[in-house]
Protein backbone atom coordinates (compact mmCIF):
# COMPACT_ATOMS: atom_id res chain seq x y z
CA VAL A 1 156.51 121.93 -100.16
CA GLN A 2 158.42 120.10 -102.86
CA LEU A 3 161.83 119.67 -104.48
CA VAL A 4 162.08 118.50 -108.08
CA GLU A 5 165.38 117.41 -109.63
CA SER A 6 166.07 117.40 -113.35
CA GLY A 7 168.98 117.24 -115.76
CA GLY A 8 170.12 113.68 -115.35
CA GLY A 9 170.86 111.37 -118.24
CA LEU A 10 173.42 109.23 -120.01
CA VAL A 11 176.83 110.80 -120.65
CA GLN A 12 180.19 109.48 -121.77
CA PRO A 13 183.19 109.50 -119.42
CA GLY A 14 184.74 112.95 -119.38
CA GLY A 15 181.43 114.60 -120.18
CA SER A 16 179.35 117.10 -118.24
CA LEU A 17 175.83 117.43 -116.89
CA ARG A 18 174.05 120.12 -114.91
CA LEU A 19 171.45 119.00 -112.42
CA SER A 20 168.73 121.34 -111.20
CA CYS A 21 166.79 121.29 -107.95
CA ALA A 22 163.71 123.49 -108.10
CA ALA A 23 161.72 124.26 -104.97
CA SER A 24 158.04 125.00 -104.68
CA GLY A 25 156.07 125.99 -101.63
CA PHE A 26 158.99 127.58 -99.82
CA THR A 27 161.92 129.94 -100.40
CA LEU A 28 165.01 127.90 -101.09
CA SER A 29 167.44 130.76 -100.42
CA MET A 30 166.54 130.66 -96.72
CA TYR A 31 167.99 127.17 -96.30
CA ALA A 32 171.14 125.16 -96.77
CA VAL A 33 170.73 122.71 -99.64
CA SER A 34 172.62 119.51 -100.26
CA TRP A 35 173.05 117.06 -103.10
CA HIS A 36 173.37 113.36 -102.37
CA ARG A 37 173.73 110.29 -104.52
CA GLN A 38 173.06 106.60 -104.21
CA ALA A 39 174.59 103.98 -106.45
CA PRO A 40 173.16 100.46 -106.72
CA GLY A 41 174.06 98.42 -103.68
CA LYS A 42 175.64 101.38 -101.89
CA GLU A 43 174.55 103.76 -99.18
CA ARG A 44 173.40 107.26 -99.98
CA GLU A 45 176.30 109.71 -99.71
CA LEU A 46 176.64 113.47 -99.47
CA VAL A 47 178.09 114.97 -102.62
CA ALA A 48 177.91 118.74 -102.09
CA ALA A 49 176.22 121.36 -99.95
CA ILE A 50 175.68 125.10 -100.02
CA SER A 51 174.81 127.31 -97.07
CA SER A 52 171.91 129.71 -96.91
CA VAL A 53 173.85 132.81 -95.90
CA GLY A 54 177.09 133.60 -97.64
CA GLY A 55 176.82 130.68 -100.00
CA SER A 56 179.72 128.72 -98.60
CA THR A 57 180.13 125.29 -100.15
CA ASN A 58 181.63 121.94 -99.33
CA TYR A 59 182.20 118.81 -101.36
CA ALA A 60 182.94 115.15 -100.98
CA ASP A 61 186.59 114.42 -101.68
CA SER A 62 185.58 112.23 -104.62
CA VAL A 63 184.05 115.18 -106.51
CA LYS A 64 186.22 118.12 -105.44
CA GLY A 65 187.49 120.07 -108.42
CA ARG A 66 184.93 118.45 -110.74
CA PHE A 67 181.51 119.38 -109.29
CA THR A 68 180.19 122.84 -108.43
CA ILE A 69 177.07 123.62 -106.42
CA SER A 70 175.41 127.00 -106.90
CA ARG A 71 172.16 128.91 -106.38
CA ASP A 72 169.86 131.05 -108.47
CA ASN A 73 167.62 132.67 -105.89
CA ALA A 74 165.48 134.38 -108.53
CA LYS A 75 164.60 130.94 -109.90
CA ASN A 76 164.33 129.31 -106.45
CA THR A 77 166.73 126.69 -107.76
CA VAL A 78 170.02 125.07 -106.80
CA TYR A 79 172.31 123.53 -109.39
CA LEU A 80 175.00 120.88 -109.46
CA GLN A 81 177.41 121.31 -112.35
CA MET A 82 179.24 118.04 -112.91
CA ASN A 83 182.33 118.00 -115.13
CA SER A 84 184.88 115.33 -115.99
CA LEU A 85 182.35 112.66 -115.15
CA LYS A 86 183.56 109.15 -114.36
CA PRO A 87 181.74 105.81 -114.46
CA GLU A 88 181.85 105.76 -110.65
CA ASP A 89 179.68 108.89 -110.61
CA THR A 90 176.79 106.75 -111.87
CA ALA A 91 173.98 107.00 -109.32
CA VAL A 92 170.59 108.48 -108.56
CA TYR A 93 171.15 112.07 -107.44
CA TYR A 94 168.89 113.70 -104.87
CA CYS A 95 168.66 117.21 -103.50
CA SER A 96 167.59 117.85 -99.95
CA VAL A 97 166.78 120.61 -97.50
CA GLY A 98 167.58 118.99 -94.19
CA GLU A 99 166.06 121.72 -92.07
CA ARG A 100 162.70 121.13 -93.74
CA GLY A 101 163.10 117.36 -93.98
CA VAL A 102 162.43 117.55 -97.71
CA TRP A 103 163.93 115.33 -100.41
CA GLY A 104 163.41 115.32 -104.14
CA GLN A 105 162.44 112.23 -106.11
CA GLY A 106 165.92 111.84 -107.61
CA THR A 107 167.37 111.95 -111.11
CA GLN A 108 169.43 109.19 -112.69
CA VAL A 109 172.96 109.93 -113.88
CA THR A 110 174.68 107.24 -115.91
CA VAL A 111 178.29 107.64 -117.05
CA SER A 112 179.17 105.04 -119.64
CA SER A 113 180.75 104.67 -123.04
């Protein structure tokens, strides 16, 4: 049972990145999935979540209108599309399946000119 994030990197302010969270050992579509982030010296915070049934989503106020969480059940993967990135979005981003108590290893996102 494992989650693996990818897609992080260095991007200029205003740019975009798409993070991926691939699951192995279980069927991701059966569970709600969330993305979290942790910046240096700050607590980990919830960024976005998607439900298992119906695919309803919710977002932190700080990312609403800029980030989109989605699923590809055929690929057993959840994505986080991040647009209009700001320097304050710099953090390590983690995906999680709370019901399984599983976290990925994280992927670094750095927004800087």
